[in-house]
Amino acid sequence: MKLTIDSREPDPHPWLPYLPAGWSFEVGGLETGDVAIARLPDGVVIERKAPGDLAGCIGSSRERFERELRRGRYCGRFICVIEGTLGDVCSAARGMHHSSIIGSVAAWTARYCPFVFAGSVEAAADFSFRALASQVRDIERAAKALEGSLSVCKVSKGEAMAARGKI
């Protein structure tokens, strides 16, 4: 499976060591988010955040980040995955009260998308790859279900006429 990594992400990408076998990254421009399946850029989209990045989004970069979250509402599924714990974010947000941090994350979760505090870079990568893979499995299941229903619709002209009582 090929993933698109937004061109503004670090190079090399921190999730590269955890990439599942048979998967690859390509760098490209994503309008929203940081990681998506290459051929499904509007499906599941992952917004990757280090704890310090999220702390900055709660503070000085709040307007820019909220614009990103609003754009995420137009994706099939937008998920913000944090490479640390809520405690890590609170530690990184020096001078910011913990209730402000928790309140912002709670409000954003209610308004825009889920925030997943994965605990580590490795767990964030694993969670994200599984979320992206689940999208592919869902599409494959839907395609299989459609194949079965389409074969039911295939009848010959003679069968259709006989069913209508014209033969």
Foldseek 3Di string as FASTA:
>chain_A
DEKEFEQPADVVHLCVVQDDPPYYYDYDHQPAAGMAHPVQSQEEHEHEEELLRLLCCLPVVVVVVVVRQVVNQRGNAYEYEYAAALVSNVVNNPPDDSVSSVVVQVVSCVVGHYYHHQHHSNSSSVVVVVVNVVVVVVVVVVVVVVVVVVVVVDDDPVVVCVVVVND
